[in-house]
Amino acid sequence: MKRKMTPEELEQFIDRELRALPPRQAPAGFEARFQQALEARRNQAALSPEQLEQLVDRELRALPPRRAPRTLEARVLTALEHRAAVAWYHKSWSHWPAAVKAAFLAFGTGVSGAAIAAFYLISQGAGTGALSAAAGERFAGAAALFHVVRWMAGYASQSFASIPALWLYGGLAFVATMYAAFFGLGATAYRTLYRNN
């Protein structure tokens, strides 16, 4: 089974197909007519750059439209049909079924409500033991997860406190420098590869 194309891959596919078209040929007599028009203009007076640009533009617009190869339309339509067959969970939120959207919103609201309730209880002075007991009554699995997260947070804070400040600032400076270098290289690569085409 063929892999489904992303919008970027579809755009690249269409671009590749269009670039594979044969070079456009001028119709018979175009060059002679252009030279005659150019000579007629030169005999009247010296052409300004704007007049020359208008003359070239007028002659190029008079060229017949370029015909695509016979297979191009079929290939593009096949790629579009293939893209339409992509499953909903590989698409953006707007393409999800209504039932899945509703379930996701309900789950997200429940998680957000639980987090807000936990922060409220902590801010009111409830200890982590009381919070753990309340959570344990309702959600035994969530209580176990809470203990793991609490242990990880304690371990992370102890590990973080044991790192010298010079290392932290040096690490942050290194990450910022690497990020800036990566961004600069990406922008340069984009300009080199895509802007010039």
N, C-alpha and C. Protein backbone atom coordinates (compact mmCIF):
# COMPACT_ATOMS: atom_id res chain seq x y z
N MET A 1 0.84 -1.19 0.00
CA MET A 1 0.00 0.00 0.00
C MET A 1 0.88 1.24 0.00
N LYS A 2 0.56 2.20 -0.85
CA LYS A 2 1.37 3.41 -0.96
C LYS A 2 1.13 4.32 0.24
N ARG A 3 2.21 5.02 0.64
CA ARG A 3 2.11 5.95 1.76
C ARG A 3 1.33 7.19 1.31
N LYS A 4 0.54 7.74 2.23
CA LYS A 4 -0.29 8.90 1.92
C LYS A 4 0.60 10.14 1.83
N MET A 5 0.28 11.03 0.89
CA MET A 5 1.07 12.24 0.67
C MET A 5 0.60 13.35 1.59
N THR A 6 1.56 14.09 2.15
CA THR A 6 1.24 15.28 2.93
C THR A 6 1.03 16.43 1.95
N PRO A 7 0.43 17.56 2.41
CA PRO A 7 0.26 18.70 1.49
C PRO A 7 1.59 19.19 0.93
N GLU A 8 2.65 19.16 1.74
CA GLU A 8 3.95 19.61 1.24
C GLU A 8 4.47 18.68 0.15
N GLU A 9 4.30 17.36 0.35
CA GLU A 9 4.75 16.41 -0.66
C GLU A 9 3.93 16.55 -1.94
N LEU A 10 2.62 16.85 -1.81
CA LEU A 10 1.80 17.06 -3.00
C LEU A 10 2.26 18.29 -3.76
N GLU A 11 2.58 19.36 -3.02
CA GLU A 11 3.07 20.57 -3.67
C GLU A 11 4.39 20.29 -4.39
N GLN A 12 5.28 19.53 -3.74
CA GLN A 12 6.55 19.20 -4.38
C GLN A 12 6.32 18.32 -5.61
N PHE A 13 5.34 17.40 -5.55
CA PHE A 13 5.04 16.54 -6.68
C PHE A 13 4.57 17.37 -7.87
N ILE A 14 3.64 18.31 -7.63
CA ILE A 14 3.13 19.16 -8.72
C ILE A 14 4.26 20.02 -9.26
N ASP A 15 5.10 20.58 -8.37
CA ASP A 15 6.22 21.40 -8.82
C ASP A 15 7.18 20.58 -9.68
N ARG A 16 7.47 19.34 -9.26
CA ARG A 16 8.36 18.48 -10.03
C ARG A 16 7.78 18.17 -11.41
N GLU A 17 6.46 17.91 -11.46
CA GLU A 17 5.82 17.60 -12.74
C GLU A 17 5.85 18.81 -13.68
N LEU A 18 5.64 20.00 -13.11
CA LEU A 18 5.66 21.20 -13.95
C LEU A 18 7.07 21.51 -14.45
N ARG A 19 8.07 21.24 -13.59
CA ARG A 19 9.45 21.48 -14.02
C ARG A 19 9.90 20.48 -15.09
N ALA A 20 9.23 19.31 -15.14
CA ALA A 20 9.59 18.30 -16.13
C ALA A 20 9.01 18.61 -17.51
N LEU A 21 8.19 19.64 -17.61
CA LEU A 21 7.62 19.99 -18.91
C LEU A 21 8.74 20.40 -19.87
N PRO A 22 8.58 20.13 -21.15
CA PRO A 22 9.61 20.53 -22.11
C PRO A 22 9.66 22.05 -22.22
N PRO A 23 10.82 22.59 -22.59
CA PRO A 23 10.94 24.05 -22.71
C PRO A 23 9.95 24.59 -23.74
N ARG A 24 9.47 25.79 -23.49
CA ARG A 24 8.50 26.40 -24.37
C ARG A 24 9.18 26.87 -25.65
N GLN A 25 8.61 26.50 -26.76
CA GLN A 25 9.16 26.88 -28.05
C GLN A 25 8.39 28.08 -28.60
N ALA A 26 9.12 29.04 -29.11
CA ALA A 26 8.46 30.19 -29.74
C ALA A 26 7.85 29.75 -31.06
N PRO A 27 6.70 30.32 -31.42
CA PRO A 27 6.10 29.94 -32.70
C PRO A 27 6.95 30.40 -33.87
N ALA A 28 6.70 29.80 -35.01
CA ALA A 28 7.48 30.13 -36.21
C ALA A 28 7.28 31.60 -36.55
N GLY A 29 8.36 32.28 -36.86
CA GLY A 29 8.31 33.68 -37.25
C GLY A 29 8.33 34.66 -36.10
N PHE A 30 8.34 34.17 -34.85
CA PHE A 30 8.30 35.09 -33.71
C PHE A 30 9.55 35.97 -33.68
N GLU A 31 10.70 35.35 -33.85
CA GLU A 31 11.94 36.12 -33.76
C GLU A 31 12.02 37.17 -34.86
N ALA A 32 11.60 36.80 -36.09
CA ALA A 32 11.63 37.76 -37.19
C ALA A 32 10.68 38.93 -36.92
N ARG A 33 9.47 38.63 -36.44
CA ARG A 33 8.51 39.70 -36.14
C ARG A 33 9.04 40.61 -35.03
N PHE A 34 9.67 40.00 -34.04
CA PHE A 34 10.21 40.79 -32.94
C PHE A 34 11.33 41.71 -33.43
N GLN A 35 12.20 41.19 -34.27
CA GLN A 35 13.29 42.01 -34.81
C GLN A 35 12.74 43.15 -35.66
N GLN A 36 11.71 42.88 -36.47
CA GLN A 36 11.10 43.94 -37.28
C GLN A 36 10.50 45.03 -36.40
N ALA A 37 9.79 44.62 -35.36
CA ALA A 37 9.19 45.61 -34.47
C ALA A 37 10.27 46.42 -33.76
N LEU A 38 11.34 45.76 -33.39
CA LEU A 38 12.44 46.44 -32.72
C LEU A 38 13.11 47.44 -33.66
N GLU A 39 13.35 47.02 -34.91
CA GLU A 39 13.97 47.92 -35.89
C GLU A 39 13.07 49.11 -36.20
N ALA A 40 11.76 48.86 -36.29
CA ALA A 40 10.83 49.96 -36.57
C ALA A 40 10.86 50.98 -35.43
N ARG A 41 10.94 50.51 -34.22
CA ARG A 41 11.02 51.42 -33.08
C ARG A 41 12.33 52.19 -33.07
N ARG A 42 13.41 51.50 -33.42
CA ARG A 42 14.73 52.17 -33.41
C ARG A 42 14.79 53.25 -34.48
N ASN A 43 14.14 53.01 -35.64
CA ASN A 43 14.15 54.00 -36.71
C ASN A 43 13.38 55.25 -36.31
N GLN A 44 12.35 55.08 -35.47
CA GLN A 44 11.57 56.25 -35.04
C GLN A 44 12.38 57.08 -34.06
N ALA A 45 12.89 56.46 -33.07
CA ALA A 45 13.67 57.18 -32.05
C ALA A 45 14.35 56.14 -31.18
N ALA A 46 15.29 56.59 -30.37
CA ALA A 46 15.98 55.66 -29.45
C ALA A 46 14.98 55.16 -28.41
N LEU A 47 15.02 53.86 -28.17
CA LEU A 47 14.10 53.26 -27.21
C LEU A 47 14.61 53.48 -25.79
N SER A 48 13.69 53.89 -24.94
CA SER A 48 14.02 53.97 -23.52
C SER A 48 13.90 52.56 -22.94
N PRO A 49 14.49 52.32 -21.78
CA PRO A 49 14.34 50.98 -21.16
C PRO A 49 12.87 50.60 -20.93
N GLU A 50 12.02 51.58 -20.58
CA GLU A 50 10.61 51.29 -20.36
C GLU A 50 9.92 50.88 -21.66
N GLN A 51 10.24 51.59 -22.76
CA GLN A 51 9.62 51.24 -24.05
C GLN A 51 10.07 49.86 -24.51
N LEU A 52 11.35 49.54 -24.31
CA LEU A 52 11.84 48.22 -24.67
C LEU A 52 11.15 47.14 -23.84
N GLU A 53 10.97 47.43 -22.57
CA GLU A 53 10.28 46.47 -21.70
C GLU A 53 8.84 46.26 -22.15
N GLN A 54 8.16 47.35 -22.52
CA GLN A 54 6.78 47.22 -23.01
C GLN A 54 6.71 46.44 -24.31
N LEU A 55 7.68 46.66 -25.20
CA LEU A 55 7.72 45.94 -26.47
C LEU A 55 7.91 44.44 -26.24
N VAL A 56 8.87 44.09 -25.38
CA VAL A 56 9.12 42.68 -25.08
C VAL A 56 7.89 42.07 -24.42
N ASP A 57 7.29 42.79 -23.48
CA ASP A 57 6.10 42.28 -22.80
C ASP A 57 4.96 42.04 -23.78
N ARG A 58 4.73 42.97 -24.68
CA ARG A 58 3.64 42.82 -25.67
C ARG A 58 3.89 41.62 -26.57
N GLU A 59 5.13 41.43 -27.03
CA GLU A 59 5.43 40.30 -27.92
C GLU A 59 5.31 38.97 -27.16
N LEU A 60 5.75 38.93 -25.90
CA LEU A 60 5.65 37.68 -25.14
C LEU A 60 4.19 37.34 -24.82
N ARG A 61 3.37 38.35 -24.57
CA ARG A 61 1.95 38.10 -24.31
C ARG A 61 1.23 37.59 -25.56
N ALA A 62 1.77 37.89 -26.72
CA ALA A 62 1.15 37.43 -27.97
C ALA A 62 1.45 35.96 -28.26
N LEU A 63 2.35 35.36 -27.48
CA LEU A 63 2.66 33.94 -27.69
C LEU A 63 1.44 33.09 -27.35
N PRO A 64 1.25 31.96 -28.04
CA PRO A 64 0.11 31.09 -27.70
C PRO A 64 0.32 30.44 -26.33
N PRO A 65 -0.79 30.06 -25.65
CA PRO A 65 -0.65 29.42 -24.32
C PRO A 65 0.11 28.11 -24.41
N ARG A 66 0.81 27.80 -23.34
CA ARG A 66 1.61 26.57 -23.28
C ARG A 66 0.70 25.39 -22.95
N ARG A 67 0.83 24.32 -23.69
CA ARG A 67 0.02 23.12 -23.46
C ARG A 67 0.77 22.17 -22.55
N ALA A 68 0.03 21.62 -21.60
CA ALA A 68 0.61 20.64 -20.68
C ALA A 68 0.64 19.28 -21.35
N PRO A 69 1.55 18.38 -20.93
CA PRO A 69 1.55 17.03 -21.48
C PRO A 69 0.23 16.33 -21.15
N ARG A 70 -0.14 15.35 -21.95
CA ARG A 70 -1.42 14.67 -21.77
C ARG A 70 -1.49 13.95 -20.43
N THR A 71 -0.37 13.47 -19.93
CA THR A 71 -0.40 12.67 -18.69
C THR A 71 -0.39 13.53 -17.43
N LEU A 72 -0.11 14.82 -17.54
CA LEU A 72 0.02 15.66 -16.35
C LEU A 72 -1.30 15.72 -15.57
N GLU A 73 -2.40 15.97 -16.26
CA GLU A 73 -3.68 16.10 -15.58
C GLU A 73 -4.05 14.82 -14.84
N ALA A 74 -3.85 13.67 -15.49
CA ALA A 74 -4.20 12.40 -14.85
C ALA A 74 -3.35 12.16 -13.61
N ARG A 75 -2.07 12.48 -13.69
CA ARG A 75 -1.19 12.26 -12.54
C ARG A 75 -1.56 13.17 -11.38
N VAL A 76 -1.87 14.44 -11.66
CA VAL A 76 -2.24 15.38 -10.60
C VAL A 76 -3.58 14.96 -9.97
N LEU A 77 -4.55 14.57 -10.79
CA LEU A 77 -5.84 14.13 -10.25
C LEU A 77 -5.69 12.87 -9.39
N THR A 78 -4.82 11.96 -9.81
CA THR A 78 -4.56 10.76 -9.01
C THR A 78 -3.97 11.14 -7.65
N ALA A 79 -3.03 12.08 -7.66
CA ALA A 79 -2.42 12.52 -6.40
C ALA A 79 -3.45 13.20 -5.50
N LEU A 80 -4.37 13.98 -6.09
CA LEU A 80 -5.42 14.63 -5.30
C LEU A 80 -6.39 13.61 -4.71
N GLU A 81 -6.75 12.60 -5.48
CA GLU A 81 -7.63 11.55 -4.97
C GLU A 81 -6.95 10.78 -3.84
N HIS A 82 -5.66 10.54 -4.00
CA HIS A 82 -4.92 9.84 -2.96
C HIS A 82 -4.89 10.67 -1.68
N ARG A 83 -4.74 11.99 -1.84
CA ARG A 83 -4.72 12.87 -0.67
C ARG A 83 -6.08 12.89 0.01
N ALA A 84 -7.17 12.82 -0.77
CA ALA A 84 -8.51 12.81 -0.19
C ALA A 84 -8.76 11.54 0.62
N ALA A 85 -8.02 10.48 0.32
CA ALA A 85 -8.21 9.21 1.02
C ALA A 85 -7.45 9.14 2.35
N VAL A 86 -6.78 10.21 2.74
CA VAL A 86 -6.02 10.22 3.99
C VAL A 86 -7.00 10.12 5.17
N ALA A 87 -6.67 9.31 6.15
CA ALA A 87 -7.54 9.10 7.31
C ALA A 87 -7.70 10.40 8.11
N TRP A 88 -8.83 10.53 8.81
CA TRP A 88 -9.14 11.76 9.54
C TRP A 88 -8.12 12.07 10.62
N TYR A 89 -7.54 11.04 11.24
CA TYR A 89 -6.60 11.29 12.34
C TYR A 89 -5.24 11.76 11.83
N HIS A 90 -5.05 11.76 10.52
CA HIS A 90 -3.82 12.33 9.95
C HIS A 90 -4.06 13.75 9.46
N LYS A 91 -5.29 14.24 9.62
CA LYS A 91 -5.63 15.59 9.17
C LYS A 91 -5.73 16.53 10.36
N SER A 92 -5.99 17.79 10.07
CA SER A 92 -6.10 18.78 11.14
C SER A 92 -7.41 18.63 11.90
N TRP A 93 -7.53 19.37 12.98
CA TRP A 93 -8.69 19.30 13.88
C TRP A 93 -10.01 19.50 13.13
N SER A 94 -10.04 20.41 12.16
CA SER A 94 -11.29 20.71 11.48
C SER A 94 -11.84 19.53 10.69
N HIS A 95 -11.02 18.53 10.37
CA HIS A 95 -11.47 17.37 9.62
C HIS A 95 -11.86 16.19 10.52
N TRP A 96 -11.74 16.32 11.84
CA TRP A 96 -12.08 15.24 12.75
C TRP A 96 -13.59 15.06 12.80
N PRO A 97 -14.08 13.84 13.03
CA PRO A 97 -15.53 13.63 13.20
C PRO A 97 -16.03 14.34 14.46
N ALA A 98 -17.31 14.71 14.47
CA ALA A 98 -17.88 15.47 15.59
C ALA A 98 -17.81 14.69 16.90
N ALA A 99 -18.04 13.37 16.85
CA ALA A 99 -18.00 12.57 18.08
C ALA A 99 -16.60 12.56 18.68
N VAL A 100 -15.59 12.47 17.85
CA VAL A 100 -14.21 12.45 18.35
C VAL A 100 -13.84 13.83 18.91
N LYS A 101 -14.30 14.89 18.25
CA LYS A 101 -14.05 16.23 18.77
C LYS A 101 -14.68 16.39 20.16
N ALA A 102 -15.93 15.91 20.29
CA ALA A 102 -16.62 16.03 21.57
C ALA A 102 -15.90 15.23 22.65
N ALA A 103 -15.48 14.01 22.33
CA ALA A 103 -14.76 13.19 23.32
C ALA A 103 -13.44 13.84 23.71
N PHE A 104 -12.74 14.39 22.74
CA PHE A 104 -11.47 15.06 23.03
C PHE A 104 -11.69 16.29 23.91
N LEU A 105 -12.72 17.07 23.60
CA LEU A 105 -13.02 18.25 24.42
C LEU A 105 -13.40 17.85 25.84
N ALA A 106 -14.20 16.77 25.97
CA ALA A 106 -14.59 16.31 27.31
C ALA A 106 -13.36 15.85 28.10
N PHE A 107 -12.50 15.08 27.47
CA PHE A 107 -11.28 14.61 28.14
C PHE A 107 -10.39 15.79 28.52
N GLY A 108 -10.18 16.71 27.59
CA GLY A 108 -9.35 17.88 27.87
C GLY A 108 -9.92 18.75 28.99
N THR A 109 -11.25 18.90 28.99
CA THR A 109 -11.88 19.67 30.06
C THR A 109 -11.72 18.98 31.41
N GLY A 110 -11.85 17.64 31.44
CA GLY A 110 -11.67 16.90 32.69
C GLY A 110 -10.25 17.03 33.22
N VAL A 111 -9.27 16.91 32.35
CA VAL A 111 -7.87 17.03 32.78
C VAL A 111 -7.60 18.45 33.27
N SER A 112 -8.11 19.44 32.55
CA SER A 112 -7.90 20.83 32.97
C SER A 112 -8.58 21.10 34.31
N GLY A 113 -9.81 20.58 34.48
CA GLY A 113 -10.51 20.77 35.75
C GLY A 113 -9.78 20.13 36.91
N ALA A 114 -9.25 18.92 36.70
CA ALA A 114 -8.50 18.24 37.75
C ALA A 114 -7.24 19.03 38.12
N ALA A 115 -6.57 19.57 37.11
CA ALA A 115 -5.36 20.36 37.39
C ALA A 115 -5.71 21.64 38.15
N ILE A 116 -6.79 22.29 37.75
CA ILE A 116 -7.19 23.53 38.44
C ILE A 116 -7.59 23.22 39.88
N ALA A 117 -8.34 22.12 40.07
CA ALA A 117 -8.74 21.74 41.44
C ALA A 117 -7.52 21.44 42.30
N ALA A 118 -6.54 20.74 41.73
CA ALA A 118 -5.33 20.42 42.50
C ALA A 118 -4.58 21.68 42.88
N PHE A 119 -4.43 22.62 41.95
CA PHE A 119 -3.74 23.86 42.27
C PHE A 119 -4.51 24.68 43.29
N TYR A 120 -5.83 24.64 43.21
CA TYR A 120 -6.65 25.37 44.18
C TYR A 120 -6.46 24.80 45.58
N LEU A 121 -6.50 23.48 45.70
CA LEU A 121 -6.32 22.84 47.01
C LEU A 121 -4.94 23.15 47.58
N ILE A 122 -3.93 23.14 46.74
CA ILE A 122 -2.57 23.44 47.20
C ILE A 122 -2.47 24.89 47.65
N SER A 123 -3.11 25.80 46.91
CA SER A 123 -3.04 27.22 47.28
C SER A 123 -3.82 27.51 48.56
N GLN A 124 -4.81 26.70 48.88
CA GLN A 124 -5.58 26.88 50.10
C GLN A 124 -4.90 26.27 51.33
N GLY A 125 -3.75 25.71 51.13
CA GLY A 125 -2.99 25.19 52.26
C GLY A 125 -3.12 23.70 52.46
N ALA A 126 -3.83 23.06 51.60
CA ALA A 126 -3.93 21.60 51.72
C ALA A 126 -2.57 21.00 51.41
N GLY A 127 -2.13 20.11 52.25
CA GLY A 127 -0.84 19.47 52.03
C GLY A 127 -0.91 18.47 50.90
N THR A 128 0.24 18.06 50.49
CA THR A 128 0.26 17.07 49.41
C THR A 128 -0.32 15.74 49.87
N GLY A 129 -0.25 15.49 51.17
CA GLY A 129 -0.83 14.26 51.71
C GLY A 129 -2.35 14.27 51.58
N ALA A 130 -2.99 15.42 51.90
CA ALA A 130 -4.45 15.53 51.78
C ALA A 130 -4.86 15.46 50.32
N LEU A 131 -4.09 16.11 49.50
CA LEU A 131 -4.39 16.08 48.05
C LEU A 131 -4.23 14.67 47.51
N SER A 132 -3.20 13.98 47.95
CA SER A 132 -2.96 12.61 47.51
C SER A 132 -4.08 11.69 47.98
N ALA A 133 -4.55 11.90 49.21
CA ALA A 133 -5.64 11.07 49.74
C ALA A 133 -6.93 11.31 48.97
N ALA A 134 -7.22 12.58 48.67
CA ALA A 134 -8.43 12.89 47.91
C ALA A 134 -8.36 12.32 46.51
N ALA A 135 -7.22 12.40 45.92
CA ALA A 135 -7.07 11.84 44.58
C ALA A 135 -7.11 10.32 44.63
N GLY A 136 -6.56 9.73 45.69
CA GLY A 136 -6.55 8.28 45.80
C GLY A 136 -7.94 7.69 45.94
N GLU A 137 -8.85 8.43 46.58
CA GLU A 137 -10.21 7.94 46.72
C GLU A 137 -10.92 7.86 45.37
N ARG A 138 -10.67 8.84 44.54
CA ARG A 138 -11.39 8.89 43.27
C ARG A 138 -10.65 8.19 42.14
N PHE A 139 -9.37 8.40 42.12
CA PHE A 139 -8.57 7.86 41.02
C PHE A 139 -7.36 7.14 41.59
N ALA A 140 -7.45 5.84 41.73
CA ALA A 140 -6.33 5.07 42.27
C ALA A 140 -5.14 5.13 41.32
N GLY A 141 -5.41 5.01 40.02
CA GLY A 141 -4.33 5.07 39.03
C GLY A 141 -3.71 6.45 38.97
N ALA A 142 -4.56 7.48 39.08
CA ALA A 142 -4.07 8.85 39.04
C ALA A 142 -3.22 9.14 40.27
N ALA A 143 -3.57 8.52 41.43
CA ALA A 143 -2.77 8.73 42.65
C ALA A 143 -1.38 8.14 42.48
N ALA A 144 -1.31 6.95 41.88
CA ALA A 144 0.00 6.34 41.65
C ALA A 144 0.84 7.20 40.70
N LEU A 145 0.18 7.71 39.68
CA LEU A 145 0.88 8.58 38.74
C LEU A 145 1.33 9.86 39.43
N PHE A 146 0.50 10.38 40.32
CA PHE A 146 0.86 11.59 41.07
C PHE A 146 2.09 11.35 41.92
N HIS A 147 2.17 10.18 42.58
CA HIS A 147 3.35 9.87 43.40
C HIS A 147 4.62 9.79 42.54
N VAL A 148 4.49 9.21 41.36
CA VAL A 148 5.64 9.12 40.46
C VAL A 148 6.06 10.51 40.01
N VAL A 149 5.09 11.33 39.65
CA VAL A 149 5.40 12.69 39.19
C VAL A 149 6.01 13.50 40.33
N ARG A 150 5.49 13.34 41.56
CA ARG A 150 6.03 14.06 42.70
C ARG A 150 7.47 13.64 42.98
N TRP A 151 7.73 12.32 42.87
CA TRP A 151 9.10 11.84 43.08
C TRP A 151 10.02 12.40 42.00
N MET A 152 9.54 12.39 40.73
CA MET A 152 10.36 12.93 39.64
C MET A 152 10.63 14.41 39.82
N ALA A 153 9.62 15.17 40.28
CA ALA A 153 9.81 16.59 40.50
C ALA A 153 10.82 16.83 41.62
N GLY A 154 10.74 16.05 42.70
CA GLY A 154 11.71 16.18 43.79
C GLY A 154 13.12 15.84 43.35
N TYR A 155 13.23 14.76 42.57
CA TYR A 155 14.55 14.36 42.07
C TYR A 155 15.12 15.42 41.12
N ALA A 156 14.25 15.95 40.26
CA ALA A 156 14.70 16.97 39.32
C ALA A 156 15.13 18.24 40.05
N SER A 157 14.39 18.64 41.07
CA SER A 157 14.77 19.85 41.81
C SER A 157 16.08 19.65 42.57
N GLN A 158 16.31 18.45 43.15
CA GLN A 158 17.58 18.18 43.82
C GLN A 158 18.73 18.17 42.83
N SER A 159 18.50 17.54 41.67
CA SER A 159 19.56 17.49 40.65
C SER A 159 19.85 18.89 40.12
N PHE A 160 18.81 19.67 39.92
CA PHE A 160 18.99 21.02 39.40
C PHE A 160 19.73 21.89 40.40
N ALA A 161 19.44 21.72 41.70
CA ALA A 161 20.10 22.52 42.73
C ALA A 161 21.57 22.16 42.87
N SER A 162 21.94 20.92 42.48
CA SER A 162 23.33 20.51 42.64
C SER A 162 24.21 20.94 41.46
N ILE A 163 23.62 21.47 40.40
CA ILE A 163 24.41 21.90 39.24
C ILE A 163 24.95 23.31 39.52
N PRO A 164 26.26 23.52 39.32
CA PRO A 164 26.83 24.87 39.54
C PRO A 164 26.19 25.89 38.59
N ALA A 165 26.06 27.12 39.09
CA ALA A 165 25.42 28.19 38.31
C ALA A 165 26.18 28.47 37.01
N LEU A 166 27.50 28.37 37.05
CA LEU A 166 28.29 28.62 35.84
C LEU A 166 27.93 27.61 34.75
N TRP A 167 27.72 26.37 35.12
CA TRP A 167 27.34 25.35 34.13
C TRP A 167 25.96 25.65 33.53
N LEU A 168 25.04 26.07 34.40
CA LEU A 168 23.69 26.38 33.91
C LEU A 168 23.71 27.52 32.90
N TYR A 169 24.38 28.62 33.28
CA TYR A 169 24.44 29.76 32.37
C TYR A 169 25.23 29.44 31.11
N GLY A 170 26.31 28.67 31.27
CA GLY A 170 27.08 28.26 30.10
C GLY A 170 26.26 27.37 29.18
N GLY A 171 25.50 26.44 29.77
CA GLY A 171 24.63 25.56 28.96
C GLY A 171 23.56 26.34 28.24
N LEU A 172 22.94 27.31 28.93
CA LEU A 172 21.92 28.14 28.28
C LEU A 172 22.53 28.97 27.15
N ALA A 173 23.72 29.52 27.37
CA ALA A 173 24.38 30.29 26.32
C ALA A 173 24.71 29.40 25.12
N PHE A 174 25.16 28.16 25.39
CA PHE A 174 25.47 27.23 24.31
C PHE A 174 24.22 26.89 23.50
N VAL A 175 23.12 26.60 24.20
CA VAL A 175 21.87 26.26 23.51
C VAL A 175 21.39 27.45 22.68
N ALA A 176 21.46 28.66 23.24
CA ALA A 176 21.04 29.85 22.49
C ALA A 176 21.91 30.06 21.26
N THR A 177 23.22 29.85 21.39
CA THR A 177 24.12 30.00 20.25
C THR A 177 23.82 28.96 19.17
N MET A 178 23.60 27.71 19.59
CA MET A 178 23.27 26.65 18.62
C MET A 178 21.94 26.93 17.92
N TYR A 179 20.97 27.43 18.68
CA TYR A 179 19.67 27.76 18.09
C TYR A 179 19.82 28.86 17.05
N ALA A 180 20.57 29.90 17.39
CA ALA A 180 20.78 30.99 16.44
C ALA A 180 21.53 30.50 15.20
N ALA A 181 22.53 29.64 15.40
CA ALA A 181 23.27 29.10 14.25
C ALA A 181 22.37 28.23 13.38
N PHE A 182 21.55 27.41 14.01
CA PHE A 182 20.63 26.56 13.26
C PHE A 182 19.63 27.40 12.48
N PHE A 183 19.10 28.44 13.10
CA PHE A 183 18.15 29.32 12.42
C PHE A 183 18.82 30.03 11.25
N GLY A 184 20.05 30.51 11.46
CA GLY A 184 20.77 31.18 10.37
C GLY A 184 21.08 30.24 9.22
N LEU A 185 21.52 29.02 9.54
CA LEU A 185 21.80 28.05 8.48
C LEU A 185 20.53 27.66 7.73
N GLY A 186 19.43 27.51 8.47
CA GLY A 186 18.16 27.18 7.82
C GLY A 186 17.70 28.28 6.89
N ALA A 187 17.82 29.54 7.33
CA ALA A 187 17.43 30.66 6.47
C ALA A 187 18.32 30.74 5.24
N THR A 188 19.61 30.51 5.41
CA THR A 188 20.53 30.53 4.27
C THR A 188 20.22 29.40 3.30
N ALA A 189 19.95 28.22 3.83
CA ALA A 189 19.62 27.09 2.96
C ALA A 189 18.32 27.34 2.21
N TYR A 190 17.34 27.95 2.87
CA TYR A 190 16.07 28.25 2.21
C TYR A 190 16.29 29.23 1.08
N ARG A 191 17.05 30.29 1.34
CA ARG A 191 17.29 31.28 0.28
C ARG A 191 18.05 30.66 -0.88
N THR A 192 19.01 29.81 -0.57
CA THR A 192 19.83 29.20 -1.62
C THR A 192 19.02 28.22 -2.46
N LEU A 193 18.22 27.37 -1.81
CA LEU A 193 17.54 26.30 -2.52
C LEU A 193 16.23 26.72 -3.15
N TYR A 194 15.44 27.57 -2.47
CA TYR A 194 14.09 27.82 -2.94
C TYR A 194 13.89 29.21 -3.51
N ARG A 195 14.54 30.20 -2.98
CA ARG A 195 14.33 31.56 -3.47
C ARG A 195 14.88 31.74 -4.88
N ASN A 196 15.99 31.07 -5.19
CA ASN A 196 16.62 31.25 -6.49
C ASN A 196 15.92 30.47 -7.60
N ASN A 197 15.02 29.56 -7.25
CA ASN A 197 14.33 28.74 -8.27
C ASN A 197 13.12 29.44 -8.81
